[in-house]
Amino acid sequence: MKKTMATRLLTILLMGLATQAMAEAPAEGATESATVAIVNGKPITEEMVQVYGAQRSRTPGAQQLSPEAAIDELVNIELVTQDAEKHGIDKRPNVVKQLDWQRRSLIVGVSMREYITTHPVTDEEMKKAYDEQVKKHDGHEYHARHILVATEEEAKDLIDQISKGGDFAKLAMEKTTDPSGKQNGGDLGWFSPDQMVKPFSEAASKMKKGQVSKKPVETQFGWHVIKLEDTREVEPPTFESVKEQIQMQLQNQRIENYLAELRKDAKIEVVKK
C-alpha cells in the first residue's frame, strides 16, 4: 500500500486559523494598537481587525472583508461574547475544557512555528536528501493490484483460488480490507518503489508483467496478494519538482527529533486502567 507522508508537523501547525493568525500578530512590547470601536466599554483594536481578517482570508471560499465589515463582525462577536459571559457559559465545565485545549493548541502551534524558523532546513540538506532518494530510484514505475487480508492463511487461499482461474479484481472487491480496493478491484495505479512500504515494493519489483505473487507479502497493514499489471521506465523527478515535499519531510524529522529530546528528559507515566 502507498505510504502516507508524515503529517505530525502539519497537524500541529494547522491546529486552527487562530494559531496562524495570532502567530503573525505584533510581538509583546510593540506599539499599542489604536482602538477602532468600543462595545460596552470593551475596546476593539486595529490589531484585532488585522488578526480577524487574516483568519477569514484562510477560510476556503471566504470573501475578503473590508475593514468596516471586519469591525462590524467583531462588534457582533463581542456582543455575543459579553452576553454569553453574563449567562455563565464561559464557566461551564465543557466550555472551560475546550478553552484550555484551544489555549494549548495556540501555544503549541506558535512554538512549533518558531522552532522550524529557528532550525531551518537548508538547501544543502534538501539536496543531500534528494540525492539519496535518487539513488534508491530503480528507474521504473509499477502498476499493480492487491488484495489485503488479515491473515496469511486467507492470503494463501486467495492465491490458490486465483491460480485455479479466479478473477483477481472480483476477489479483491469481495475480500480486500482496503476500502478503495473494494471499489476498483484492488487497483493501485502507477507508483514508484519509494511510494510503497518496502516489503511491497520489493515484491512488486521482482515480479513479471501479469504475474501474481506466489507467496503472501506481509507489511504493517496486513497480508497482500499482488498482481503486477505492467512496468515502465521513468526518469527520477527533478530536484525543483520535489523540493517542497523534501523540505516538509525534513521539517517533520526536525519535529520528531525535538519531541524525542523533550521525551528523553521528561518523566512520563502512562496509567492504564
C-alpha atoms as a PDB file:
ATOM      1  CA  MET A   1       0.000   0.000   0.000  1.00  0.00           C
ATOM      2  CA  LYS A   2       1.110   3.566  -0.623  1.00  0.00           C
ATOM      3  CA  LYS A   3       2.866   5.239   2.272  1.00  0.00           C
ATOM      4  CA  THR A   4       1.253   8.264   3.907  1.00  0.00           C
ATOM      5  CA  MET A   5       3.569  11.248   4.263  1.00  0.00           C
ATOM      6  CA  ALA A   6       4.166  12.191   7.898  1.00  0.00           C
ATOM      7  CA  THR A   7       1.586  14.708   8.983  1.00  0.00           C
ATOM      8  CA  ARG A   8       2.646  15.472  12.525  1.00  0.00           C
ATOM      9  CA  LEU A   9       4.080  18.878  11.611  1.00  0.00           C
ATOM     10  CA  LEU A  10       1.065  19.916   9.565  1.00  0.00           C
ATOM     11  CA  THR A  11      -1.317  18.764  12.277  1.00  0.00           C
ATOM     12  CA  ILE A  12       0.487  20.832  14.863  1.00  0.00           C
ATOM     13  CA  LEU A  13       0.955  23.902  12.707  1.00  0.00           C
ATOM     14  CA  LEU A  14      -2.576  23.911  11.346  1.00  0.00           C
ATOM     15  CA  MET A  15      -4.448  23.327  14.585  1.00  0.00           C
ATOM     16  CA  GLY A  16      -6.588  26.324  13.812  1.00  0.00           C
ATOM     17  CA  LEU A  17      -6.749  29.572  11.932  1.00  0.00           C
ATOM     18  CA  ALA A  18      -6.349  31.411  15.199  1.00  0.00           C
ATOM     19  CA  THR A  19      -2.990  29.776  15.790  1.00  0.00           C
ATOM     20  CA  GLN A  20      -1.631  31.059  12.497  1.00  0.00           C
ATOM     21  CA  ALA A  21      -3.171  34.473  12.747  1.00  0.00           C
ATOM     22  CA  MET A  22      -2.053  35.086  16.315  1.00  0.00           C
ATOM     23  CA  ALA A  23       1.450  33.943  15.420  1.00  0.00           C
ATOM     24  CA  GLU A  24       1.573  36.840  12.986  1.00  0.00           C
ATOM     25  CA  ALA A  25       0.242  39.409  15.464  1.00  0.00           C
ATOM     26  CA  PRO A  26       2.648  42.078  16.720  1.00  0.00           C
ATOM     27  CA  ALA A  27       5.031  40.869  19.389  1.00  0.00           C
ATOM     28  CA  GLU A  28       4.658  41.813  23.023  1.00  0.00           C
ATOM     29  CA  GLY A  29       6.109  45.239  23.654  1.00  0.00           C
ATOM     30  CA  ALA A  30       5.115  46.585  20.256  1.00  0.00           C
ATOM     31  CA  THR A  31       3.329  49.920  19.952  1.00  0.00           C
ATOM     32  CA  GLU A  32      -0.185  49.736  21.413  1.00  0.00           C
ATOM     33  CA  SER A  33      -2.770  49.228  18.701  1.00  0.00           C
ATOM     34  CA  ALA A  34      -5.290  52.000  18.057  1.00  0.00           C
ATOM     35  CA  THR A  35      -8.881  51.490  19.203  1.00  0.00           C
ATOM     36  CA  VAL A  36     -11.391  51.391  16.340  1.00  0.00           C
ATOM     37  CA  ALA A  37     -14.575  50.642  18.308  1.00  0.00           C
ATOM     38  CA  ILE A  38     -15.792  50.281  21.899  1.00  0.00           C
ATOM     39  CA  VAL A  39     -18.540  47.816  22.843  1.00  0.00           C
ATOM     40  CA  ASN A  40     -19.967  48.339  26.327  1.00  0.00           C
ATOM     41  CA  GLY A  41     -16.570  49.572  27.455  1.00  0.00           C
ATOM     42  CA  LYS A  42     -14.576  46.793  25.733  1.00  0.00           C
ATOM     43  CA  PRO A  43     -12.203  48.063  23.006  1.00  0.00           C
ATOM     44  CA  ILE A  44     -11.817  46.578  19.551  1.00  0.00           C
ATOM     45  CA  THR A  45      -8.370  47.442  18.223  1.00  0.00           C
ATOM     46  CA  GLU A  46      -6.764  47.751  14.811  1.00  0.00           C
ATOM     47  CA  GLU A  47      -4.680  44.696  15.654  1.00  0.00           C
ATOM     48  CA  MET A  48      -7.822  42.645  16.312  1.00  0.00           C
ATOM     49  CA  VAL A  49      -9.187  43.707  12.927  1.00  0.00           C
ATOM     50  CA  GLN A  50      -5.955  42.615  11.209  1.00  0.00           C
ATOM     51  CA  VAL A  51      -5.871  39.244  13.001  1.00  0.00           C
ATOM     52  CA  TYR A  52      -9.544  38.586  12.271  1.00  0.00           C
ATOM     53  CA  GLY A  53      -9.036  39.489   8.614  1.00  0.00           C
ATOM     54  CA  ALA A  54      -6.087  37.094   8.415  1.00  0.00           C
ATOM     55  CA  GLN A  55      -8.224  34.330   9.889  1.00  0.00           C
ATOM     56  CA  ARG A  56     -11.029  34.910   7.435  1.00  0.00           C
ATOM     57  CA  SER A  57      -8.704  35.053   4.432  1.00  0.00           C
ATOM     58  CA  ARG A  58      -7.520  31.489   5.196  1.00  0.00           C
ATOM     59  CA  THR A  59     -11.032  30.086   5.133  1.00  0.00           C
ATOM     60  CA  PRO A  60     -11.602  28.326   1.773  1.00  0.00           C
ATOM     61  CA  GLY A  61     -14.067  30.265  -0.380  1.00  0.00           C
ATOM     62  CA  ALA A  62     -14.298  33.188   2.027  1.00  0.00           C
ATOM     63  CA  GLN A  63     -14.604  36.679   0.566  1.00  0.00           C
ATOM     64  CA  GLN A  64     -12.122  39.315   1.635  1.00  0.00           C
ATOM     65  CA  LEU A  65     -13.570  41.637   4.238  1.00  0.00           C
ATOM     66  CA  SER A  66     -13.293  45.391   4.137  1.00  0.00           C
ATOM     67  CA  PRO A  67     -12.020  46.965   7.388  1.00  0.00           C
ATOM     68  CA  GLU A  68     -15.517  48.294   8.001  1.00  0.00           C
ATOM     69  CA  ALA A  69     -17.097  44.849   7.567  1.00  0.00           C
ATOM     70  CA  ALA A  70     -14.472  43.262   9.813  1.00  0.00           C
ATOM     71  CA  ILE A  71     -15.172  45.809  12.540  1.00  0.00           C
ATOM     72  CA  ASP A  72     -18.917  45.178  12.217  1.00  0.00           C
ATOM     73  CA  GLU A  73     -18.429  41.417  12.603  1.00  0.00           C
ATOM     74  CA  LEU A  74     -16.093  41.910  15.564  1.00  0.00           C
ATOM     75  CA  VAL A  75     -18.714  44.109  17.235  1.00  0.00           C
ATOM     76  CA  ASN A  76     -21.240  41.282  16.841  1.00  0.00           C
ATOM     77  CA  ILE A  77     -18.742  38.759  18.207  1.00  0.00           C
ATOM     78  CA  GLU A  78     -18.036  40.968  21.230  1.00  0.00           C
ATOM     79  CA  LEU A  79     -21.756  41.449  21.902  1.00  0.00           C
ATOM     80  CA  VAL A  80     -22.422  37.702  21.823  1.00  0.00           C
ATOM     81  CA  THR A  81     -19.339  37.046  23.958  1.00  0.00           C
ATOM     82  CA  GLN A  82     -20.457  39.529  26.578  1.00  0.00           C
ATOM     83  CA  ASP A  83     -23.966  38.086  26.657  1.00  0.00           C
ATOM     84  CA  ALA A  84     -22.611  34.526  26.930  1.00  0.00           C
ATOM     85  CA  GLU A  85     -20.363  35.535  29.827  1.00  0.00           C
ATOM     86  CA  LYS A  86     -23.334  37.232  31.506  1.00  0.00           C
ATOM     87  CA  HIS A  87     -25.147  33.887  31.411  1.00  0.00           C
ATOM     88  CA  GLY A  88     -22.094  31.992  32.686  1.00  0.00           C
ATOM     89  CA  ILE A  89     -21.463  29.997  29.518  1.00  0.00           C
ATOM     90  CA  ASP A  90     -17.724  30.583  29.825  1.00  0.00           C
ATOM     91  CA  LYS A  91     -17.819  28.919  33.265  1.00  0.00           C
ATOM     92  CA  ARG A  92     -19.448  25.694  32.128  1.00  0.00           C
ATOM     93  CA  PRO A  93     -17.066  22.705  32.618  1.00  0.00           C
ATOM     94  CA  ASN A  94     -17.224  21.564  28.992  1.00  0.00           C
ATOM     95  CA  VAL A  95     -16.524  25.100  27.741  1.00  0.00           C
ATOM     96  CA  VAL A  96     -13.640  25.556  30.214  1.00  0.00           C
ATOM     97  CA  LYS A  97     -12.098  22.318  28.925  1.00  0.00           C
ATOM     98  CA  GLN A  98     -12.415  23.432  25.304  1.00  0.00           C
ATOM     99  CA  LEU A  99     -10.919  26.831  26.084  1.00  0.00           C
ATOM    100  CA  ASP A 100      -7.990  25.140  27.806  1.00  0.00           C
ATOM    101  CA  TRP A 101      -7.431  22.899  24.788  1.00  0.00           C
ATOM    102  CA  GLN A 102      -7.560  25.856  22.392  1.00  0.00           C
ATOM    103  CA  ARG A 103      -5.032  27.652  24.622  1.00  0.00           C
ATOM    104  CA  ARG A 104      -2.700  24.649  24.423  1.00  0.00           C
ATOM    105  CA  SER A 105      -3.212  24.414  20.669  1.00  0.00           C
ATOM    106  CA  LEU A 106      -2.299  28.051  20.217  1.00  0.00           C
ATOM    107  CA  ILE A 107       0.821  27.784  22.370  1.00  0.00           C
ATOM    108  CA  VAL A 108       1.988  24.577  20.685  1.00  0.00           C
ATOM    109  CA  GLY A 109       1.283  25.919  17.206  1.00  0.00           C
ATOM    110  CA  VAL A 110       3.245  29.118  17.769  1.00  0.00           C
ATOM    111  CA  SER A 111       6.064  27.212  19.465  1.00  0.00           C
ATOM    112  CA  MET A 112       6.386  24.788  16.548  1.00  0.00           C
ATOM    113  CA  ARG A 113       6.372  27.588  14.004  1.00  0.00           C
ATOM    114  CA  GLU A 114       9.147  29.344  15.886  1.00  0.00           C
ATOM    115  CA  TYR A 115      11.127  26.099  16.244  1.00  0.00           C
ATOM    116  CA  ILE A 116      11.041  25.494  12.492  1.00  0.00           C
ATOM    117  CA  THR A 117      12.001  29.129  11.883  1.00  0.00           C
ATOM    118  CA  THR A 118      14.979  28.946  14.234  1.00  0.00           C
ATOM    119  CA  HIS A 119      16.011  25.487  12.963  1.00  0.00           C
ATOM    120  CA  PRO A 120      15.546  25.922   9.204  1.00  0.00           C
ATOM    121  CA  VAL A 121      16.120  23.206   6.638  1.00  0.00           C
ATOM    122  CA  THR A 122      18.978  24.274   4.354  1.00  0.00           C
ATOM    123  CA  ASP A 123      19.244  23.824   0.591  1.00  0.00           C
ATOM    124  CA  GLU A 124      22.265  21.606   1.197  1.00  0.00           C
ATOM    125  CA  GLU A 125      20.221  19.274   3.396  1.00  0.00           C
ATOM    126  CA  MET A 126      17.422  19.106   0.843  1.00  0.00           C
ATOM    127  CA  LYS A 127      19.857  18.378  -1.992  1.00  0.00           C
ATOM    128  CA  LYS A 128      21.516  15.632   0.043  1.00  0.00           C
ATOM    129  CA  ALA A 129      18.138  14.049   0.808  1.00  0.00           C
ATOM    130  CA  TYR A 130      17.188  14.301  -2.867  1.00  0.00           C
ATOM    131  CA  ASP A 131      20.410  12.600  -3.979  1.00  0.00           C
ATOM    132  CA  GLU A 132      19.778   9.765  -1.517  1.00  0.00           C
ATOM    133  CA  GLN A 133      16.260   9.297  -2.893  1.00  0.00           C
ATOM    134  CA  VAL A 134      17.539   9.257  -6.472  1.00  0.00           C
ATOM    135  CA  LYS A 135      19.999   6.506  -5.569  1.00  0.00           C
ATOM    136  CA  LYS A 136      17.053   4.383  -4.409  1.00  0.00           C
ATOM    137  CA  HIS A 137      15.111   5.051  -7.613  1.00  0.00           C
ATOM    138  CA  ASP A 138      15.385   1.976  -9.844  1.00  0.00           C
ATOM    139  CA  GLY A 139      14.259   3.787 -12.987  1.00  0.00           C
ATOM    140  CA  HIS A 140      10.879   2.072 -13.095  1.00  0.00           C
ATOM    141  CA  GLU A 141       7.287   2.610 -12.095  1.00  0.00           C
ATOM    142  CA  TYR A 142       4.883  -0.212 -11.457  1.00  0.00           C
ATOM    143  CA  HIS A 143       1.173  -0.702 -11.993  1.00  0.00           C
ATOM    144  CA  ALA A 144      -0.254  -3.298  -9.653  1.00  0.00           C
ATOM    145  CA  ARG A 145      -3.365  -4.586  -7.956  1.00  0.00           C
ATOM    146  CA  HIS A 146      -3.504  -6.093  -4.497  1.00  0.00           C
ATOM    147  CA  ILE A 147      -5.817  -7.878  -2.125  1.00  0.00           C
ATOM    148  CA  LEU A 148      -5.250  -7.066   1.533  1.00  0.00           C
ATOM    149  CA  VAL A 149      -6.386  -9.524   4.214  1.00  0.00           C
ATOM    150  CA  ALA A 150      -5.743 -10.037   7.922  1.00  0.00           C
ATOM    151  CA  THR A 151      -4.034 -13.444   7.933  1.00  0.00           C
ATOM    152  CA  GLU A 152      -1.501 -15.390   5.932  1.00  0.00           C
ATOM    153  CA  GLU A 153      -3.942 -18.285   5.626  1.00  0.00           C
ATOM    154  CA  GLU A 154      -6.530 -16.054   3.932  1.00  0.00           C
ATOM    155  CA  ALA A 155      -3.889 -14.763   1.521  1.00  0.00           C
ATOM    156  CA  LYS A 156      -2.720 -18.281   0.654  1.00  0.00           C
ATOM    157  CA  ASP A 157      -6.311 -19.347  -0.001  1.00  0.00           C
ATOM    158  CA  LEU A 158      -6.764 -16.390  -2.386  1.00  0.00           C
ATOM    159  CA  ILE A 159      -3.562 -17.254  -4.242  1.00  0.00           C
ATOM    160  CA  ASP A 160      -4.868 -20.800  -4.634  1.00  0.00           C
ATOM    161  CA  GLN A 161      -8.219 -19.547  -5.980  1.00  0.00           C
ATOM    162  CA  ILE A 162      -6.506 -17.237  -8.465  1.00  0.00           C
ATOM    163  CA  SER A 163      -4.163 -19.999  -9.652  1.00  0.00           C
ATOM    164  CA  LYS A 164      -7.281 -22.051 -10.448  1.00  0.00           C
ATOM    165  CA  GLY A 165      -8.767 -19.321 -12.597  1.00  0.00           C
ATOM    166  CA  GLY A 166     -10.311 -16.977 -10.039  1.00  0.00           C
ATOM    167  CA  ASP A 167     -10.782 -13.373 -11.181  1.00  0.00           C
ATOM    168  CA  PHE A 168      -8.317 -11.186  -9.266  1.00  0.00           C
ATOM    169  CA  ALA A 169     -10.322  -7.948  -9.488  1.00  0.00           C
ATOM    170  CA  LYS A 170     -13.552  -9.667  -8.451  1.00  0.00           C
ATOM    171  CA  LEU A 171     -11.887 -11.359  -5.488  1.00  0.00           C
ATOM    172  CA  ALA A 172     -10.354  -8.020  -4.478  1.00  0.00           C
ATOM    173  CA  MET A 173     -13.747  -6.342  -4.413  1.00  0.00           C
ATOM    174  CA  GLU A 174     -15.143  -9.215  -2.326  1.00  0.00           C
ATOM    175  CA  LYS A 175     -12.275  -9.943   0.064  1.00  0.00           C
ATOM    176  CA  THR A 176      -9.899  -6.993   0.458  1.00  0.00           C
ATOM    177  CA  THR A 177      -9.889  -4.941   3.637  1.00  0.00           C
ATOM    178  CA  ASP A 178      -8.520  -1.940   1.712  1.00  0.00           C
ATOM    179  CA  PRO A 179     -11.598   0.324   1.313  1.00  0.00           C
ATOM    180  CA  SER A 180     -10.533   1.711  -2.072  1.00  0.00           C
ATOM    181  CA  GLY A 181      -9.825  -1.786  -3.345  1.00  0.00           C
ATOM    182  CA  LYS A 182     -13.461  -2.770  -2.879  1.00  0.00           C
ATOM    183  CA  GLN A 183     -14.382  -0.113  -5.435  1.00  0.00           C
ATOM    184  CA  ASN A 184     -11.652  -0.595  -8.051  1.00  0.00           C
ATOM    185  CA  GLY A 185     -10.715  -4.242  -7.819  1.00  0.00           C
ATOM    186  CA  GLY A 186      -7.569  -3.575  -5.816  1.00  0.00           C
ATOM    187  CA  ASP A 187      -6.064  -1.291  -8.472  1.00  0.00           C
ATOM    188  CA  LEU A 188      -3.217   0.817  -7.024  1.00  0.00           C
ATOM    189  CA  GLY A 189      -2.416   2.648 -10.249  1.00  0.00           C
ATOM    190  CA  TRP A 190       1.163   3.587 -11.134  1.00  0.00           C
ATOM    191  CA  PHE A 191       3.686   4.030  -8.341  1.00  0.00           C
ATOM    192  CA  SER A 192       7.425   4.270  -7.788  1.00  0.00           C
ATOM    193  CA  PRO A 193       9.135   1.965  -5.268  1.00  0.00           C
ATOM    194  CA  ASP A 194       9.595   4.729  -2.703  1.00  0.00           C
ATOM    195  CA  GLN A 195       5.828   5.342  -2.615  1.00  0.00           C
ATOM    196  CA  MET A 196       5.210   1.899  -1.163  1.00  0.00           C
ATOM    197  CA  VAL A 197       6.271   0.240   2.050  1.00  0.00           C
ATOM    198  CA  LYS A 198       9.489  -1.687   1.451  1.00  0.00           C
ATOM    199  CA  PRO A 199       8.234  -5.315   1.517  1.00  0.00           C
ATOM    200  CA  PHE A 200       5.511  -4.453  -1.008  1.00  0.00           C
ATOM    201  CA  SER A 201       7.759  -2.543  -3.422  1.00  0.00           C
ATOM    202  CA  GLU A 202      10.477  -5.198  -3.257  1.00  0.00           C
ATOM    203  CA  ALA A 203       7.984  -7.933  -4.082  1.00  0.00           C
ATOM    204  CA  ALA A 204       6.480  -5.981  -6.993  1.00  0.00           C
ATOM    205  CA  SER A 205       9.884  -5.134  -8.460  1.00  0.00           C
ATOM    206  CA  LYS A 206      10.778  -8.830  -8.695  1.00  0.00           C
ATOM    207  CA  MET A 207       7.589  -9.839 -10.498  1.00  0.00           C
ATOM    208  CA  LYS A 208       6.894 -10.109 -14.223  1.00  0.00           C
ATOM    209  CA  LYS A 209       4.034  -8.441 -16.068  1.00  0.00           C
ATOM    210  CA  GLY A 210       0.764 -10.292 -15.428  1.00  0.00           C
ATOM    211  CA  GLN A 211       2.223 -12.365 -12.603  1.00  0.00           C
ATOM    212  CA  VAL A 212       0.503 -12.900  -9.239  1.00  0.00           C
ATOM    213  CA  SER A 213       2.674 -13.202  -6.139  1.00  0.00           C
ATOM    214  CA  LYS A 214       3.392 -16.858  -5.369  1.00  0.00           C
ATOM    215  CA  LYS A 215       3.582 -16.147  -1.641  1.00  0.00           C
ATOM    216  CA  PRO A 216       1.683 -13.650   0.525  1.00  0.00           C
ATOM    217  CA  VAL A 217       3.566 -10.424   1.242  1.00  0.00           C
ATOM    218  CA  GLU A 218       3.421  -9.177   4.827  1.00  0.00           C
ATOM    219  CA  THR A 219       3.504  -5.465   5.724  1.00  0.00           C
ATOM    220  CA  GLN A 220       2.338  -3.472   8.732  1.00  0.00           C
ATOM    221  CA  PHE A 221      -1.060  -3.242   7.030  1.00  0.00           C
ATOM    222  CA  GLY A 222      -1.604  -6.995   6.826  1.00  0.00           C
ATOM    223  CA  TRP A 223      -1.062  -9.713   4.202  1.00  0.00           C
ATOM    224  CA  HIS A 224      -1.075  -8.849   0.488  1.00  0.00           C
ATOM    225  CA  VAL A 225      -1.687 -10.809  -2.670  1.00  0.00           C
ATOM    226  CA  ILE A 226      -0.152  -8.783  -5.508  1.00  0.00           C
ATOM    227  CA  LYS A 227      -0.736  -8.818  -9.242  1.00  0.00           C
ATOM    228  CA  LEU A 228       1.717  -6.848 -11.372  1.00  0.00           C
ATOM    229  CA  GLU A 229      -0.183  -5.327 -14.291  1.00  0.00           C
ATOM    230  CA  ASP A 230       2.688  -3.507 -16.020  1.00  0.00           C
ATOM    231  CA  THR A 231       6.022  -1.687 -15.639  1.00  0.00           C
ATOM    232  CA  ARG A 232       7.509   1.348 -17.370  1.00  0.00           C
ATOM    233  CA  GLU A 233      10.819   3.153 -17.377  1.00  0.00           C
ATOM    234  CA  VAL A 234      10.838   6.660 -15.943  1.00  0.00           C
ATOM    235  CA  GLU A 235      13.334   9.352 -15.123  1.00  0.00           C
ATOM    236  CA  PRO A 236      13.585  10.414 -11.481  1.00  0.00           C
ATOM    237  CA  PRO A 237      11.791  13.681 -10.677  1.00  0.00           C
ATOM    238  CA  THR A 238      13.832  16.860 -10.783  1.00  0.00           C
ATOM    239  CA  PHE A 239      15.039  18.414  -7.552  1.00  0.00           C
ATOM    240  CA  GLU A 240      12.878  21.503  -8.075  1.00  0.00           C
ATOM    241  CA  SER A 241       9.720  19.449  -8.582  1.00  0.00           C
ATOM    242  CA  VAL A 242      10.093  17.667  -5.226  1.00  0.00           C
ATOM    243  CA  LYS A 243      11.953  20.338  -3.251  1.00  0.00           C
ATOM    244  CA  GLU A 244       8.879  21.421  -1.300  1.00  0.00           C
ATOM    245  CA  GLN A 245       7.990  17.829  -0.444  1.00  0.00           C
ATOM    246  CA  ILE A 246      11.549  17.109   0.724  1.00  0.00           C
ATOM    247  CA  GLN A 247      11.538  20.262   2.829  1.00  0.00           C
ATOM    248  CA  MET A 248       8.352  19.112   4.551  1.00  0.00           C
ATOM    249  CA  GLN A 249       9.833  15.668   5.190  1.00  0.00           C
ATOM    250  CA  LEU A 250      12.949  17.181   6.760  1.00  0.00           C
ATOM    251  CA  GLN A 251      10.880  19.598   8.822  1.00  0.00           C
ATOM    252  CA  ASN A 252       8.867  16.658  10.103  1.00  0.00           C
ATOM    253  CA  GLN A 253      12.127  14.982  11.060  1.00  0.00           C
ATOM    254  CA  ARG A 254      13.178  18.144  12.898  1.00  0.00           C
ATOM    255  CA  ILE A 255       9.961  17.978  14.915  1.00  0.00           C
ATOM    256  CA  GLU A 256      10.376  14.252  15.590  1.00  0.00           C
ATOM    257  CA  ASN A 257      13.904  14.880  16.918  1.00  0.00           C
ATOM    258  CA  TYR A 258      12.702  17.819  19.017  1.00  0.00           C
ATOM    259  CA  LEU A 259       9.927  15.742  20.584  1.00  0.00           C
ATOM    260  CA  ALA A 260      12.357  12.883  21.199  1.00  0.00           C
ATOM    261  CA  GLU A 261      14.654  15.264  23.103  1.00  0.00           C
ATOM    262  CA  LEU A 262      11.768  16.534  25.211  1.00  0.00           C
ATOM    263  CA  ARG A 263      10.674  12.989  25.991  1.00  0.00           C
ATOM    264  CA  LYS A 264      14.199  11.921  26.899  1.00  0.00           C
ATOM    265  CA  ASP A 265      14.412  14.453  29.744  1.00  0.00           C
ATOM    266  CA  ALA A 266      10.793  14.084  30.878  1.00  0.00           C
ATOM    267  CA  LYS A 267       9.210  11.847  33.491  1.00  0.00           C
ATOM    268  CA  ILE A 268       6.277  10.231  31.709  1.00  0.00           C
ATOM    269  CA  GLU A 269       3.935   7.750  33.330  1.00  0.00           C
ATOM    270  CA  VAL A 270       1.221   6.150  31.224  1.00  0.00           C
ATOM    271  CA  VAL A 271      -1.501   4.934  33.562  1.00  0.00           C
ATOM    272  CA  LYS A 272      -3.543   2.094  32.112  1.00  0.00           C
ATOM    273  CA  LYS A 273      -6.849   1.132  33.667  1.00  0.00           C
END
